[in-house]
Amino acid sequence: MIRVLIVDDQAMVREGFSVLLGAMPGIEVVGEAEDGRRAVAEVARLRPDVVLMDVRMPHMNGLEATREIVAADSGTKVLILTTYDLDEYVYRALRAGASGFLLKDASAERLAEGVRVVASGEALLAPTVTKRLLTEFSKLGSVRTNPHERIEELTERESEVLVLVAQGLSNGEIAAHLVVAESTVKTHVGRVLVKLGLRDRTQAVVFAYEEGLVRPGA
């Protein structure tokens, strides 16, 4: 069972997500929290696999809570919930270690799928707001003029895989594009993460855009 903690300052939202996810096979809602501070405490107490995290909350917002949860290195993944008008905090939440984001109006099936994807260690970037996220990269992220030293450690194929990951392709899609086995892609992705010292695919996406390997609109 995938254990989920729901964090939102609106009780009706928490209850709604709890009912939706509770009806999905393989998912168990183990707790709720009304703000970031409480979320950090509940993660330490309950050790959930995934936290559904709202962004704007009193006492401690989702960005600060995400940073603390990830820093605790408990293995809990954070999935940010946002509105269609992409909040500027989302970009910084991804940098803080969130594994992705979903829209608050996502269907029950999409929400459950998102929880499963994040729990498995994959990144999740909602397609309908990815373009807005990339706009935030342009506004908030400063592309470095001097490439990160660790980039030089990547082989040509690993660099190619990193770019494709940053463009939002899944392992299967990358395998088809490069005409290789999906297991080979998984190996390349793993090596990229290790060489660059990155936690997961989401951080790889952030890294690629910040380093100028991929640019919004390219």
Protein backbone atom coordinates (compact mmCIF):
# COMPACT_ATOMS: atom_id res chain seq x y z
CA MET A 1 0.00 0.00 0.00
CA ILE A 2 1.16 3.54 -0.80
CA ARG A 3 0.75 5.65 2.33
CA VAL A 4 -0.36 9.24 1.65
CA LEU A 5 -0.49 12.39 3.78
CA ILE A 6 -2.76 15.19 2.53
CA VAL A 7 -1.76 18.77 3.35
CA ASP A 8 -4.09 21.70 2.66
CA ASP A 9 -5.40 24.57 4.76
CA GLN A 10 -8.98 23.94 3.58
CA ALA A 11 -10.75 21.12 5.40
CA MET A 12 -13.13 20.43 2.50
CA VAL A 13 -10.21 20.01 0.09
CA ARG A 14 -8.48 17.59 2.44
CA GLU A 15 -11.64 15.59 2.92
CA GLY A 16 -12.32 15.51 -0.81
CA PHE A 17 -8.87 14.22 -1.71
CA SER A 18 -9.04 11.75 1.16
CA VAL A 19 -12.28 10.26 -0.15
CA LEU A 20 -11.02 10.14 -3.75
CA LEU A 21 -7.70 8.49 -2.92
CA GLY A 22 -9.17 6.23 -0.25
CA ALA A 23 -11.32 4.60 -2.92
CA MET A 24 -8.31 3.80 -5.11
CA PRO A 25 -6.68 0.36 -4.93
CA GLY A 26 -3.22 0.24 -3.42
CA ILE A 27 -3.46 3.68 -1.78
CA GLU A 28 -4.10 4.46 1.89
CA VAL A 29 -4.57 7.97 3.29
CA VAL A 30 -2.83 7.82 6.65
CA GLY A 31 -3.29 11.42 7.76
CA GLU A 32 -4.04 15.07 7.07
CA ALA A 33 -2.40 18.38 7.98
CA GLU A 34 -3.68 21.95 7.77
CA ASP A 35 -0.36 23.74 7.32
CA GLY A 36 3.30 23.13 6.53
CA ARG A 37 4.44 23.05 10.13
CA ARG A 38 1.95 20.33 10.98
CA ALA A 39 2.89 18.49 7.78
CA VAL A 40 6.55 18.27 8.81
CA ALA A 41 5.52 16.86 12.20
CA GLU A 42 3.11 14.35 10.67
CA VAL A 43 5.72 13.13 8.17
CA ALA A 44 8.09 12.44 11.05
CA ARG A 45 5.34 10.61 12.95
CA LEU A 46 3.60 8.70 10.15
CA ARG A 47 6.42 8.18 7.61
CA PRO A 48 4.11 8.38 4.55
CA ASP A 49 5.37 7.44 1.10
CA VAL A 50 3.87 10.53 -0.55
CA VAL A 51 2.73 13.95 0.65
CA LEU A 52 0.14 15.86 -1.38
CA MET A 53 1.26 19.41 -0.57
CA ASP A 54 -0.66 22.64 -0.99
CA VAL A 55 1.47 25.73 -1.63
CA ARG A 56 -0.09 28.68 0.15
CA MET A 57 -0.82 27.93 3.80
CA PRO A 58 -0.54 29.76 7.14
CA HIS A 59 2.33 29.29 9.62
CA MET A 60 4.54 27.50 7.08
CA ASN A 61 3.94 27.36 3.34
CA GLY A 62 4.37 24.32 1.12
CA LEU A 63 7.78 25.44 -0.11
CA GLU A 64 9.29 25.61 3.38
CA ALA A 65 7.62 22.36 4.41
CA THR A 66 8.90 20.59 1.29
CA ARG A 67 12.43 21.75 1.98
CA GLU A 68 12.30 20.45 5.56
CA ILE A 69 10.72 17.13 4.60
CA VAL A 70 13.27 16.48 1.86
CA ALA A 71 16.16 17.58 4.09
CA ALA A 72 15.07 15.05 6.71
CA ASP A 73 15.85 12.35 4.13
CA SER A 74 12.98 10.14 5.29
CA GLY A 75 12.31 8.83 1.80
CA THR A 76 8.94 10.61 1.65
CA LYS A 77 8.14 12.10 -1.76
CA VAL A 78 6.36 15.46 -2.10
CA LEU A 79 3.77 16.07 -4.81
CA ILE A 80 2.81 19.74 -5.06
CA LEU A 81 -0.83 20.64 -5.72
CA THR A 82 -1.39 23.91 -7.53
CA THR A 83 -4.01 25.87 -9.42
CA TYR A 84 -4.03 26.46 -13.18
CA ASP A 85 -2.42 29.85 -12.65
CA LEU A 86 0.94 28.38 -11.78
CA ASP A 87 2.12 29.73 -8.46
CA GLU A 88 5.67 31.12 -8.45
CA TYR A 89 6.36 28.93 -5.43
CA VAL A 90 6.08 25.80 -7.56
CA TYR A 91 9.38 26.47 -9.32
CA ARG A 92 11.14 26.92 -6.01
CA ALA A 93 9.39 23.88 -4.55
CA LEU A 94 10.85 21.75 -7.34
CA ARG A 95 14.28 23.15 -6.54
CA ALA A 96 13.63 22.35 -2.89
CA GLY A 97 13.15 18.70 -3.79
CA ALA A 98 9.49 18.19 -4.68
CA SER A 99 8.97 15.28 -7.06
CA GLY A 100 6.45 17.10 -9.24
CA PHE A 101 3.13 18.87 -9.30
CA LEU A 102 -0.49 18.34 -10.24
CA LEU A 103 -3.48 20.58 -10.74
CA LYS A 104 -5.99 20.73 -7.90
CA ASP A 105 -8.81 19.96 -10.32
CA ALA A 106 -7.18 16.72 -11.50
CA SER A 107 -9.50 13.71 -11.82
CA ALA A 108 -9.44 10.97 -9.21
CA GLU A 109 -7.69 8.67 -11.68
CA ARG A 110 -5.05 11.29 -12.52
CA LEU A 111 -4.49 12.01 -8.83
CA ALA A 112 -4.04 8.32 -8.05
CA GLU A 113 -1.74 7.91 -11.03
CA GLY A 114 0.33 10.86 -9.83
CA VAL A 115 0.69 9.37 -6.37
CA ARG A 116 1.81 6.03 -7.84
CA VAL A 117 4.29 7.66 -10.22
CA VAL A 118 5.89 9.77 -7.51
CA ALA A 119 5.95 6.85 -5.04
CA SER A 120 7.87 4.79 -7.60
CA GLY A 121 10.59 7.43 -7.75
CA GLU A 122 9.62 9.02 -11.05
CA ALA A 123 9.02 12.71 -11.70
CA LEU A 124 5.57 14.09 -12.44
CA LEU A 125 5.02 17.36 -14.30
CA ALA A 126 1.40 18.00 -15.28
CA PRO A 127 1.38 18.46 -19.08
CA THR A 128 -1.24 21.23 -19.01
CA VAL A 129 0.95 23.53 -16.94
CA THR A 130 4.45 22.52 -18.06
CA LYS A 131 4.66 25.51 -20.41
CA ARG A 132 3.83 27.84 -17.53
CA LEU A 133 6.50 26.15 -15.45
CA LEU A 134 9.07 26.75 -18.17
CA THR A 135 8.05 30.41 -18.20
CA GLU A 136 8.92 30.49 -14.52
CA PHE A 137 12.34 29.10 -15.38
CA SER A 138 12.83 32.11 -17.64
CA LYS A 139 11.69 34.56 -14.95
CA LEU A 140 13.21 33.06 -11.83
CA GLY A 141 16.03 30.88 -13.00
CA SER A 142 19.32 32.37 -14.07
CA VAL A 143 21.11 30.22 -16.65
CA ARG A 144 24.74 29.85 -15.68
CA THR A 145 27.30 31.20 -18.13
CA ASN A 146 29.87 28.65 -16.93
CA PRO A 147 28.61 25.08 -17.25
CA HIS A 148 28.57 22.93 -14.15
CA GLU A 149 31.83 20.98 -13.86
CA ARG A 150 30.02 17.68 -13.46
CA ILE A 151 28.44 17.99 -16.90
CA GLU A 152 31.84 17.12 -18.33
CA GLU A 153 31.62 13.75 -16.59
CA LEU A 154 28.63 12.75 -18.70
CA THR A 155 29.11 10.71 -21.84
CA GLU A 156 27.57 11.96 -25.09
CA ARG A 157 24.69 9.50 -24.76
CA GLU A 158 24.08 10.42 -21.11
CA SER A 159 23.93 14.11 -22.06
CA GLU A 160 21.44 13.25 -24.79
CA VAL A 161 19.30 11.31 -22.34
CA LEU A 162 19.39 14.21 -19.86
CA VAL A 163 18.09 16.60 -22.50
CA LEU A 164 15.27 14.21 -23.44
CA VAL A 165 14.33 13.79 -19.77
CA ALA A 166 14.21 17.59 -19.44
CA GLN A 167 11.90 17.74 -22.46
CA GLY A 168 9.43 15.59 -20.54
CA LEU A 169 9.89 12.25 -22.28
CA SER A 170 9.30 9.03 -20.36
CA ASN A 171 11.82 6.18 -20.36
CA GLY A 172 9.73 4.37 -22.96
CA GLU A 173 9.58 7.41 -25.22
CA ILE A 174 13.33 8.00 -24.86
CA ALA A 175 13.99 4.35 -25.72
CA ALA A 176 11.89 4.65 -28.86
CA HIS A 177 13.60 7.90 -29.84
CA LEU A 178 17.10 6.49 -29.39
CA VAL A 179 16.16 3.00 -30.65
CA VAL A 180 17.47 1.26 -27.54
CA ALA A 181 15.96 -0.93 -24.81
CA GLU A 182 14.03 0.81 -22.02
CA SER A 183 16.31 -0.90 -19.49
CA THR A 184 19.26 0.81 -21.18
CA VAL A 185 17.56 4.19 -20.74
CA LYS A 186 16.97 3.46 -17.05
CA THR A 187 20.66 2.71 -16.68
CA HIS A 188 21.63 5.98 -18.40
CA VAL A 189 19.21 7.99 -16.25
CA GLY A 190 20.59 6.39 -13.11
CA ARG A 191 24.15 7.21 -14.09
CA VAL A 192 23.20 10.82 -14.90
CA LEU A 193 21.63 11.26 -11.48
CA VAL A 194 24.66 9.78 -9.71
CA LYS A 195 27.23 11.77 -11.69
CA LEU A 196 25.38 15.06 -11.21
CA GLY A 197 24.49 14.38 -7.58
CA LEU A 198 20.75 14.71 -8.25
CA ARG A 199 17.95 13.12 -6.25
CA ASP A 200 15.51 12.28 -9.04
CA ARG A 201 14.24 13.10 -12.55
CA THR A 202 12.59 16.32 -11.40
CA GLN A 203 15.89 17.68 -10.16
CA ALA A 204 17.41 16.59 -13.47
CA VAL A 205 14.84 18.72 -15.31
CA VAL A 206 15.58 21.74 -13.13
CA PHE A 207 19.33 21.20 -13.57
CA ALA A 208 19.08 20.95 -17.36
CA TYR A 209 17.14 24.20 -17.67
CA GLU A 210 19.30 26.10 -15.20
CA GLU A 211 22.45 25.00 -16.99
CA GLY A 212 21.06 26.01 -20.38
CA LEU A 213 21.09 22.48 -21.79
CA VAL A 214 17.42 23.01 -22.65
CA ARG A 215 15.69 26.34 -22.99
CA PRO A 216 12.00 27.24 -22.66
CA GLY A 217 10.38 27.21 -26.09
CA ALA A 218 13.24 25.26 -27.67
